[in-house]
Amino acid sequence: MKDDHDARTIERVQTGVRLEKSLLKVLKAVAEQKDMSLGDLLEGIVLHAFAGQAPFSAETLRDIAKFGELYGLTLTAEDSHRLKERP
């Protein structure tokens, strides 16, 4: 993590994002494991994706797979544009 003197000052806004239930559980578990907020984790994922970089190490990906099994996450990247919400 960068030193505080390298920190960037930002403005955050509250948002009402809806996510698939098991995906949210896995994200929360990863955030908890990394001792960060869910918002901080999502910001990091998005910033890495925008830069064309992978957001997670091999070790974290293994942990994500374990959390996925624990919380029943069966969705993959291929599902991302084919999701239909239950009525």
Protein backbone atom coordinates (compact mmCIF):
# COMPACT_ATOMS: atom_id res chain seq x y z
CA MET A 1 0.00 0.00 0.00
CA LYS A 2 1.22 3.50 -0.77
CA ASP A 3 2.26 5.85 2.01
CA ASP A 4 -0.26 8.47 3.14
CA HIS A 5 1.80 11.21 1.46
CA ASP A 6 1.07 9.51 -1.88
CA ALA A 7 -2.68 9.28 -1.20
CA ARG A 8 -5.10 10.82 -3.70
CA THR A 9 -7.99 12.89 -2.36
CA ILE A 10 -11.31 11.83 -3.88
CA GLU A 11 -15.02 12.39 -3.39
CA ARG A 12 -17.18 9.32 -2.89
CA VAL A 13 -20.93 9.09 -3.46
CA GLN A 14 -23.47 6.63 -2.08
CA THR A 15 -24.96 4.33 -4.70
CA GLY A 16 -27.61 1.66 -4.79
CA VAL A 17 -25.95 -1.05 -6.87
CA ARG A 18 -27.77 -4.37 -7.22
CA LEU A 19 -25.63 -7.52 -7.46
CA GLU A 20 -26.29 -11.24 -7.69
CA LYS A 21 -26.59 -12.64 -4.17
CA SER A 22 -23.77 -15.22 -4.13
CA LEU A 23 -21.43 -12.85 -6.01
CA LEU A 24 -21.98 -10.23 -3.31
CA LYS A 25 -21.25 -12.76 -0.58
CA VAL A 26 -17.93 -13.68 -2.23
CA LEU A 27 -17.00 -10.01 -2.69
CA LYS A 28 -17.76 -9.30 0.96
CA ALA A 29 -15.64 -12.28 2.03
CA VAL A 30 -12.70 -11.07 -0.06
CA ALA A 31 -13.04 -7.55 1.33
CA GLU A 32 -13.15 -8.90 4.88
CA GLN A 33 -10.09 -11.09 4.25
CA LYS A 34 -8.19 -8.07 2.92
CA ASP A 35 -9.43 -5.86 5.80
CA MET A 36 -11.01 -3.33 3.46
CA SER A 37 -14.48 -2.07 2.72
CA LEU A 38 -16.56 -3.53 -0.08
CA GLY A 39 -16.45 -0.14 -1.81
CA ASP A 40 -12.64 -0.03 -1.66
CA LEU A 41 -12.47 -3.56 -3.11
CA LEU A 42 -14.84 -2.68 -5.97
CA GLU A 43 -12.90 0.51 -6.74
CA GLY A 44 -9.68 -1.50 -6.94
CA ILE A 45 -11.24 -4.13 -9.20
CA VAL A 46 -12.63 -1.50 -11.57
CA LEU A 47 -9.42 0.57 -11.68
CA HIS A 48 -7.40 -2.55 -12.49
CA ALA A 49 -9.91 -3.57 -15.18
CA PHE A 50 -9.85 -0.08 -16.72
CA ALA A 51 -6.05 -0.35 -16.93
CA GLY A 52 -6.25 -3.83 -18.50
CA GLN A 53 -4.67 -5.40 -15.41
CA ALA A 54 -5.71 -8.41 -13.37
CA PRO A 55 -6.97 -7.23 -9.97
CA PHE A 56 -6.08 -10.37 -8.00
CA SER A 57 -2.99 -12.44 -7.29
CA ALA A 58 -2.99 -16.20 -7.86
CA GLU A 59 -3.36 -16.72 -4.10
CA THR A 60 -6.41 -14.43 -3.91
CA LEU A 61 -7.95 -16.19 -6.92
CA ARG A 62 -7.61 -19.51 -5.06
CA ASP A 63 -9.34 -17.93 -2.05
CA ILE A 64 -12.08 -16.57 -4.31
CA ALA A 65 -12.66 -20.08 -5.69
CA LYS A 66 -13.02 -21.40 -2.12
CA PHE A 67 -15.43 -18.59 -1.21
CA GLY A 68 -17.35 -19.33 -4.41
CA GLU A 69 -17.79 -22.95 -3.39
CA LEU A 70 -18.81 -21.92 0.12
CA TYR A 71 -21.43 -19.42 -1.10
CA GLY A 72 -22.64 -21.29 -4.17
CA LEU A 73 -21.26 -18.94 -6.81
CA THR A 74 -21.54 -20.74 -10.14
CA LEU A 75 -21.52 -17.70 -12.45
CA THR A 76 -18.54 -17.06 -14.72
CA ALA A 77 -17.43 -14.18 -16.93
CA GLU A 78 -19.23 -15.86 -19.83
CA ASP A 79 -22.51 -15.37 -17.95
CA SER A 80 -22.04 -11.62 -17.50
CA HIS A 81 -24.22 -10.50 -20.44
CA ARG A 82 -26.73 -13.34 -20.19
CA LEU A 83 -28.18 -12.81 -16.70
CA LYS A 84 -31.94 -12.58 -16.26
CA GLU A 85 -33.35 -11.48 -12.92
CA ARG A 86 -35.89 -13.72 -11.26
CA PRO A 87 -39.37 -12.07 -11.13
